Protein backbone atom coordinates (compact mmCIF):
# COMPACT_ATOMS: atom_id res chain seq x y z
CA UNK A 1 107.60 82.55 93.97
CA UNK A 2 105.33 85.33 95.31
CA UNK A 3 103.52 87.58 92.82
CA UNK A 4 103.15 91.34 93.27
CA UNK A 5 101.27 93.67 90.97
CA UNK A 6 102.99 97.07 90.45
CA UNK A 7 100.64 99.54 88.80
CA UNK A 8 100.98 103.10 87.57
CA UNK A 9 98.03 105.29 88.73
CA UNK A 10 98.43 109.03 88.30
CA UNK A 11 95.42 110.43 90.06
CA UNK A 12 93.10 109.91 93.04
CA UNK A 13 90.01 109.48 90.79
CA UNK A 14 88.04 106.59 92.24
CA UNK A 15 86.98 105.19 88.86
CA UNK A 16 90.60 105.21 87.70
CA UNK A 17 91.81 103.52 90.89
CA UNK A 18 89.14 100.85 90.65
CA UNK A 19 90.18 100.20 87.06
CA UNK A 20 93.79 99.91 88.04
CA UNK A 21 93.10 97.59 91.00
CA UNK A 22 91.02 95.32 88.72
CA UNK A 23 94.00 95.24 86.33
CA UNK A 24 96.16 94.23 89.25
CA UNK A 25 93.81 91.48 90.32
CA UNK A 26 93.75 90.27 86.69
CA UNK A 27 97.54 90.00 86.68
CA UNK A 28 97.42 88.02 89.95
CA UNK A 29 94.89 85.51 88.67
CA UNK A 30 91.66 87.25 87.81
CA UNK A 31 88.23 86.07 88.98
CA UNK A 32 89.54 82.80 90.36
CA UNK A 33 92.04 84.61 92.50
CA UNK A 34 89.43 87.04 93.82
CA UNK A 35 86.98 84.25 94.69
CA UNK A 36 89.66 82.38 96.58
CA UNK A 37 90.77 85.58 98.37
CA UNK A 38 87.19 86.53 99.29
CA UNK A 39 84.92 83.49 99.57
CA UNK A 40 81.22 84.30 99.20
CA UNK A 41 79.78 85.80 102.39
CA UNK A 42 83.13 86.34 104.09
CA UNK A 43 83.55 88.78 106.91
CA UNK A 44 86.07 91.21 105.48
CA UNK A 45 87.99 93.76 107.58
CA UNK A 46 89.64 96.65 105.71
CA UNK A 47 92.54 98.10 107.66
CA UNK A 48 93.51 101.62 106.42
CA UNK A 49 96.31 103.70 107.89
CA UNK A 50 94.70 106.23 110.20
CA UNK A 51 97.79 107.41 112.02
CA UNK A 52 96.32 110.66 113.29
CA UNK A 53 93.79 113.38 112.46
CA UNK A 54 94.32 114.72 108.92
CA UNK A 55 92.15 116.34 106.33
CA UNK A 56 90.54 114.26 103.56
CA UNK A 57 93.09 113.70 100.87
CA UNK A 58 96.13 114.18 103.19
CA UNK A 59 99.25 112.14 102.47
CA UNK A 60 99.37 111.15 106.19
CA UNK A 61 96.56 108.58 105.97
CA UNK A 62 95.06 106.15 103.44
CA UNK A 63 93.31 108.21 100.79
CA UNK A 64 89.52 107.94 100.81
CA UNK A 65 89.42 107.34 97.02
CA UNK A 66 91.59 104.22 97.36
CA UNK A 67 89.33 103.12 100.23
CA UNK A 68 86.24 103.57 98.07
CA UNK A 69 87.72 101.76 95.08
CA UNK A 70 88.56 98.74 97.29
CA UNK A 71 85.04 98.67 98.74
CA UNK A 72 83.53 98.62 95.28
CA UNK A 73 85.53 95.57 94.36
CA UNK A 74 85.02 93.68 97.64
CA UNK A 75 81.21 94.26 97.57
CA UNK A 76 81.04 92.13 94.45
CA UNK A 77 81.93 89.14 96.72
CA UNK A 78 80.47 90.02 100.14
CA UNK A 79 78.36 92.63 101.91
CA UNK A 80 79.84 91.91 105.29
CA UNK A 81 82.55 94.55 105.34
CA UNK A 82 84.00 96.42 108.32
CA UNK A 83 86.84 98.87 108.54
CA UNK A 84 88.79 100.28 111.44
CA UNK A 85 92.04 101.31 113.03
CA UNK A 86 93.42 102.48 116.35
CA UNK A 87 95.57 105.59 116.04
CA UNK A 88 98.39 106.21 118.47
CA UNK A 89 96.65 109.39 119.45
CA UNK A 90 93.27 110.98 118.65
CA UNK A 91 89.86 109.28 118.55
CA UNK A 92 89.68 106.72 115.76
CA UNK A 93 86.17 107.68 114.57
CA UNK A 94 87.06 111.35 114.48
CA UNK A 95 90.18 110.56 112.41
CA UNK A 96 88.15 108.46 110.00
CA UNK A 97 85.48 111.18 109.69
CA UNK A 98 87.99 113.96 109.07
CA UNK A 99 89.83 111.84 106.53
CA UNK A 100 86.66 111.24 104.52
CA UNK A 101 86.46 107.50 105.17
CA UNK A 102 83.28 107.47 107.26
CA UNK A 103 81.41 109.28 104.50
CA UNK A 104 82.55 106.68 101.97
CA UNK A 105 81.72 103.81 104.35
CA UNK A 106 78.20 105.11 104.92
CA UNK A 107 77.63 105.42 101.18
CA UNK A 108 78.24 101.64 100.77
CA UNK A 109 76.90 100.32 104.06
CA UNK A 110 80.36 99.46 105.43
CA UNK A 111 80.52 99.20 109.19
CA UNK A 112 83.12 101.04 111.36
CA UNK A 113 84.89 99.51 114.33
CA UNK A 114 87.02 101.64 116.70
CA UNK A 115 89.18 98.58 117.74
CA UNK A 116 88.51 99.26 121.45
CA UNK A 117 86.96 95.85 122.10
CA UNK A 118 89.91 93.45 122.54
CA UNK A 119 90.39 89.74 122.98
CA UNK A 120 93.17 87.90 124.78
CA UNK A 121 94.74 85.22 122.55
CA UNK A 122 97.74 83.03 122.27
CA UNK A 123 100.07 82.47 119.32
CA UNK A 124 101.85 79.19 119.96
CA UNK A 125 104.17 79.09 116.94
CA UNK A 126 105.38 82.63 117.39
CA UNK A 127 108.75 84.11 116.48
CA UNK A 128 108.75 86.06 119.78
CA UNK A 129 105.40 86.96 121.24
CA UNK A 130 102.90 84.25 122.40
CA UNK A 131 100.46 86.29 124.52
CA UNK A 132 98.32 89.10 122.98
CA UNK A 133 95.50 91.53 123.65
CA UNK A 134 94.38 92.75 120.27
CA UNK A 135 91.31 94.28 118.65
CA UNK A 136 88.49 91.73 118.27
CA UNK A 137 87.31 92.89 114.81
CA UNK A 138 90.48 92.04 112.81
CA UNK A 139 91.13 88.90 114.86
CA UNK A 140 87.66 87.50 114.15
CA UNK A 141 87.42 88.55 110.47
CA UNK A 142 87.68 85.93 107.79
CA UNK A 143 89.67 88.19 105.51
CA UNK A 144 91.89 91.10 106.46
CA UNK A 145 92.88 93.43 103.69
CA UNK A 146 95.43 96.05 104.71
CA UNK A 147 95.44 99.47 103.00
CA UNK A 148 98.64 101.21 104.09
CA UNK A 149 100.10 104.48 102.83
CA UNK A 150 103.67 104.38 101.48
CA UNK A 151 105.64 106.50 104.04
CA UNK A 152 108.99 106.87 105.70
CA UNK A 153 109.18 105.90 109.41
CA UNK A 154 111.59 107.01 112.11
CA UNK A 155 112.00 103.66 113.89
CA UNK A 156 111.21 101.17 111.12
CA UNK A 157 112.73 103.30 108.26
CA UNK A 158 109.63 102.54 106.15
CA UNK A 159 106.00 101.86 106.94
CA UNK A 160 103.88 99.76 104.58
CA UNK A 161 102.00 96.45 104.54
CA UNK A 162 103.70 94.85 107.57
CA UNK A 163 103.82 97.85 109.89
CA UNK A 164 100.22 98.89 109.21
CA UNK A 165 98.79 96.14 111.43
CA UNK A 166 100.26 97.72 114.54
CA UNK A 167 96.97 99.59 114.51
CA UNK A 168 95.26 96.33 115.43
CA UNK A 169 96.53 96.89 118.93
CA UNK A 170 94.29 99.31 120.82
CA UNK A 171 95.80 102.79 121.30
CA UNK A 172 96.89 102.66 125.01
CA UNK A 173 98.35 99.16 124.62
CA UNK A 174 100.78 100.37 121.98
CA UNK A 175 102.75 102.18 124.66
CA UNK A 176 103.39 98.87 126.48
CA UNK A 177 104.67 97.26 123.33
CA UNK A 178 107.19 100.01 122.70
CA UNK A 179 108.48 99.64 126.24
CA UNK A 180 108.68 95.82 125.93
CA UNK A 181 110.39 96.01 122.54
CA UNK A 182 112.96 98.81 122.64
CA UNK A 183 115.15 96.71 120.35
CA UNK A 184 114.02 97.56 116.80
CA UNK A 185 114.65 94.04 115.57
CA UNK A 186 112.48 92.47 118.27
CA UNK A 187 109.82 95.13 117.57
CA UNK A 188 109.73 94.02 113.93
CA UNK A 189 109.53 90.35 115.00
CA UNK A 190 106.51 91.32 117.06
CA UNK A 191 104.95 92.88 113.96
CA UNK A 192 105.40 89.60 112.03
CA UNK A 193 103.76 87.66 114.89
CA UNK A 194 100.90 90.18 114.87
CA UNK A 195 100.32 89.70 111.13
CA UNK A 196 100.35 85.94 111.62
CA UNK A 197 97.86 86.25 114.42
CA UNK A 198 95.29 88.35 112.47
CA UNK A 199 96.12 86.36 109.33
CA UNK A 200 96.46 89.44 107.11
CA UNK A 201 95.24 88.25 103.74
CA UNK A 202 96.15 90.87 101.21
CA UNK A 203 97.82 94.28 100.85
CA UNK A 204 97.06 97.25 98.66
CA UNK A 205 99.73 99.90 99.16
CA UNK A 206 98.75 103.47 98.40
CA UNK A 207 101.74 105.20 96.85
CA UNK A 208 100.01 107.48 94.38
CA UNK A 209 101.23 110.23 96.63
CA UNK A 210 103.74 108.90 99.15
CA UNK A 211 105.54 110.59 102.05
CA UNK A 212 109.31 111.18 102.17
CA UNK A 213 111.46 112.97 104.72
CA UNK A 214 110.36 113.16 108.35
CA UNK A 215 107.72 110.43 108.24
CA UNK A 216 105.33 108.92 109.16
CA UNK A 217 103.41 112.10 110.06
CA UNK A 218 105.48 115.16 109.26
CA UNK A 219 107.18 114.30 105.98
CA UNK A 220 106.48 115.80 102.56
CA UNK A 221 104.12 114.55 99.87
CA UNK A 222 105.96 112.75 97.06
CA UNK A 223 104.04 111.92 93.91
CA UNK A 224 104.96 108.37 92.98
CA UNK A 225 101.92 107.43 90.84
CA UNK A 226 102.14 103.93 92.34
CA UNK A 227 99.85 101.17 93.63
CA UNK A 228 101.37 97.89 94.85
CA UNK A 229 99.24 94.83 95.67
CA UNK A 230 99.79 91.23 96.62
CA UNK A 231 99.07 88.42 99.10
CA UNK A 232 102.59 88.46 100.49
CA UNK A 233 103.02 91.46 102.80
CA UNK A 234 106.80 91.11 102.75
CA UNK A 235 106.89 90.94 98.97
CA UNK A 236 104.75 94.04 98.65
CA UNK A 237 107.04 95.92 101.06
CA UNK A 238 110.14 94.63 99.33
CA UNK A 239 108.95 96.12 96.03
CA UNK A 240 108.05 99.39 97.78
CA UNK A 241 111.39 99.85 99.53
CA UNK A 242 113.27 99.18 96.33
CA UNK A 243 111.24 101.88 94.65
CA UNK A 244 112.19 104.52 97.20
CA UNK A 245 115.89 103.87 97.45
CA UNK A 246 116.67 100.77 99.51
CA UNK A 247 118.29 98.71 96.74
CA UNK A 248 118.82 95.95 99.24
CA UNK A 249 115.54 95.29 101.05
CA UNK A 250 117.54 93.84 103.99
CA UNK A 251 118.57 97.40 104.78
CA UNK A 252 115.20 97.88 106.47
CA UNK A 253 114.63 96.27 109.83
CA UNK A 254 111.29 94.56 109.21
CA UNK A 255 112.38 92.89 106.00
CA UNK A 256 115.67 91.81 107.57
CA UNK A 257 113.63 90.05 110.26
CA UNK A 258 111.37 88.52 107.60
CA UNK A 259 114.42 87.13 105.79
CA UNK A 260 116.20 85.87 108.92
CA UNK A 261 113.11 84.13 110.21
CA UNK A 262 112.01 82.77 106.76
CA UNK A 263 108.65 84.43 107.38
CA UNK A 264 108.04 85.46 103.77
CA UNK A 265 109.53 86.48 100.42
CA UNK A 266 111.97 89.39 100.49
CA UNK A 267 114.69 88.99 97.89
CA UNK A 268 114.07 89.88 94.19
CA UNK A 269 114.73 86.36 93.07
CA UNK A 270 111.72 85.20 95.14
CA UNK A 271 109.27 87.81 93.89
CA UNK A 272 107.68 88.11 90.45
CA UNK A 273 106.75 91.70 89.75
CA UNK A 274 103.80 91.95 87.35
CA UNK A 275 102.66 95.03 85.40
CA UNK A 276 105.17 97.88 85.57
CA UNK A 277 108.90 97.32 86.19
CA UNK A 278 110.65 98.48 89.27
CA UNK A 279 113.27 100.28 87.18
CA UNK A 280 110.68 102.32 85.36
CA UNK A 281 108.82 103.22 88.53
CA UNK A 282 111.73 104.10 90.82
CA UNK A 283 111.42 107.39 92.66
CA UNK A 284 114.08 110.00 92.05
CA UNK A 285 115.50 112.05 94.96
CA UNK A 286 113.17 110.42 97.49
CA UNK A 287 114.29 111.67 100.93
CA UNK A 288 114.75 108.72 103.29
CA UNK A 289 114.29 109.39 106.98
CA UNK A 290 117.07 106.83 107.72
CA UNK A 291 119.52 105.16 105.48
CA UNK A 292 120.03 101.41 105.57
CA UNK A 293 123.21 99.72 106.68
CA UNK A 294 124.70 96.83 108.56
CA UNK A 295 123.24 97.92 111.88
CA UNK A 296 119.57 98.42 112.78
CA UNK A 297 119.48 99.32 116.41
CA UNK A 298 121.62 100.06 119.44
CA UNK A 299 120.94 97.35 121.97
CA UNK A 300 119.36 98.52 125.22
CA UNK A 301 122.08 96.59 126.99
CA UNK A 302 124.84 98.77 125.46
CA UNK A 303 126.75 101.03 127.75
CA UNK A 304 125.64 104.68 127.96
CA UNK A 305 129.00 105.67 126.48
CA UNK A 306 128.58 103.39 123.44
CA UNK A 307 125.01 104.55 122.97
CA UNK A 308 126.11 108.22 123.07
CA UNK A 309 128.69 107.48 120.36
CA UNK A 310 126.44 105.49 118.05
CA UNK A 311 122.74 105.80 118.61
CA UNK A 312 120.53 108.19 116.60
CA UNK A 313 118.56 110.60 118.70
CA UNK A 314 115.38 112.74 118.56
CA UNK A 315 116.29 116.40 118.07
CA UNK A 316 114.06 119.41 118.52
CA UNK A 317 113.63 122.22 116.00
CA UNK A 318 112.78 124.92 118.52
CA UNK A 319 111.31 127.35 115.98
CA UNK A 320 108.65 124.76 115.08
CA UNK A 321 107.78 123.56 118.60
CA UNK A 322 104.44 124.86 119.86
CA UNK A 323 104.79 123.53 123.42
CA UNK A 324 101.79 121.21 123.12
CA UNK A 325 103.45 118.50 125.34
CA UNK A 326 102.33 115.70 123.00
CA UNK A 327 105.87 114.24 122.94
CA UNK A 328 105.86 114.00 126.75
CA UNK A 329 102.43 112.35 126.72
CA UNK A 330 103.30 109.64 124.22
CA UNK A 331 106.73 108.71 125.69
CA UNK A 332 106.27 105.10 126.72
CA UNK A 333 109.01 104.98 129.37
CA UNK A 334 108.47 105.28 133.09
CA UNK A 335 109.74 107.55 134.40
CA UNK A 336 109.32 109.69 131.27
CA UNK A 337 112.44 110.30 129.21
CA UNK A 338 110.99 113.70 128.16
CA UNK A 339 110.69 116.70 130.51
CA UNK A 340 108.97 119.94 129.44
CA UNK A 341 111.10 122.98 130.36
CA UNK A 342 109.91 126.56 130.28
CA UNK A 343 111.40 128.56 127.44
CA UNK A 344 110.05 132.13 127.53
CA UNK A 345 106.28 132.02 127.29
CA UNK A 346 106.06 128.31 126.37
CA UNK A 347 107.52 124.91 127.13
CA UNK A 348 109.97 122.85 125.05
CA UNK A 349 110.94 119.20 125.54
CA UNK A 350 114.32 117.98 126.76
CA UNK A 351 115.41 114.33 126.65
CA UNK A 352 117.25 112.18 129.16
CA UNK A 353 119.21 110.32 126.44
CA UNK A 354 120.69 107.88 128.93
CA UNK A 355 117.23 106.34 129.35
CA UNK A 356 115.80 106.91 125.85
CA UNK A 357 114.94 103.62 124.10
CA UNK A 358 114.88 105.27 120.61
CA UNK A 359 111.32 104.26 119.83
CA UNK A 360 110.87 107.73 118.24
CA UNK A 361 107.19 107.89 119.30
CA UNK A 362 107.85 111.56 120.03
CA UNK A 363 109.08 112.15 116.47
CA UNK A 364 106.26 110.12 114.98
CA UNK A 365 103.40 111.82 116.76
CA UNK A 366 104.58 115.44 116.99
CA UNK A 367 101.69 117.33 115.36
CA UNK A 368 103.93 120.03 113.76
CA UNK A 369 107.07 118.14 112.76
CA UNK A 370 109.29 119.81 115.35
CA UNK A 371 111.16 116.61 116.12
CA UNK A 372 113.55 114.94 113.71
CA UNK A 373 116.10 112.11 113.87
CA UNK A 374 119.74 112.96 113.92
CA UNK A 375 122.77 110.69 114.02
CA UNK A 376 126.21 111.03 115.56
CA UNK A 377 129.20 111.45 113.28
CA UNK A 378 130.46 108.01 114.19
CA UNK A 379 126.97 106.58 113.63
CA UNK A 380 127.03 108.05 110.10
CA UNK A 381 130.44 106.61 109.33
CA UNK A 382 129.28 103.16 110.53
CA UNK A 383 125.97 103.52 108.67
CA UNK A 384 123.90 103.40 111.84
CA UNK A 385 120.74 105.49 111.39
CA UNK A 386 120.02 108.22 108.95
CA UNK A 387 121.54 110.67 106.44
């Protein structure tokens, strides 16, 4: 049975967060657990969520205070600490600077890696993907500790400990993976293989202030007062999704793939929750970007007619659109699904839905939240997609 520490933390005070994390480690096994997790002199890679440029303290990225508290603890066991990420857009160092993480890292002598240097590796016992080009720093680290932010996600419904390692693939290469994996279930299998490849060792999920609604970039802050930590990424995510409204963790694509492939613990009977109880920590009126159900994707092989009846689609809120063309730039398909059309004094996107693979990169990376996910009436009836 996997153990997960569920902690109540009400503020982004670094001393308080460090205290709470130490309480969590104590619940998981104390000093013995920590020494086994971080052997003396280990090369440790901290992997925050640096999705896109956001001000320090923003609910879009891992909070700098959580980052600092983790560094304080890890430095008791090793001084060889690096952190990094590869955002889908924006320069990684600039994102880390704006978010306050570079300042913290310099304070403690923690190195930064932009994840641009990659290595080509094979994963022989993969669920789906054997051949990889991934960032060298996380692949060669002895210990990878992931520091995700608890957020909704258009394609994956939820982003947490498992999804956060997609940032170990260098920015431009992410586009290729979306094109190769238009099927959401296969995309999630790929994420499991990726975590196996980098051997993600531990997760600390920042849910003190989470994101609900139109995540993972344009949703609203939701104060959950929550930290979740454990060695099993799937167990950490299972606790998280139950807190925000997915009573059955199999209603989220990644955890359904975990369960079907026997990759890790998912169901409540296989997870011991230490500290706070899930019932006491459940969020009220948390806005999910997509509801769970019996269906997780519309196969790319489906007929255009069936896709038009069932598949959720990106929809533009014209009053919000600033005509920046970011959605067109990040569309992974060739030729592009999105075309910018003049509308008065600016341009707005239009979609060729016959060719759209529903990766929702446009929705994820829109800088102003002008794109949302909407479902068809039949899709809602059959529980395919969102609200």
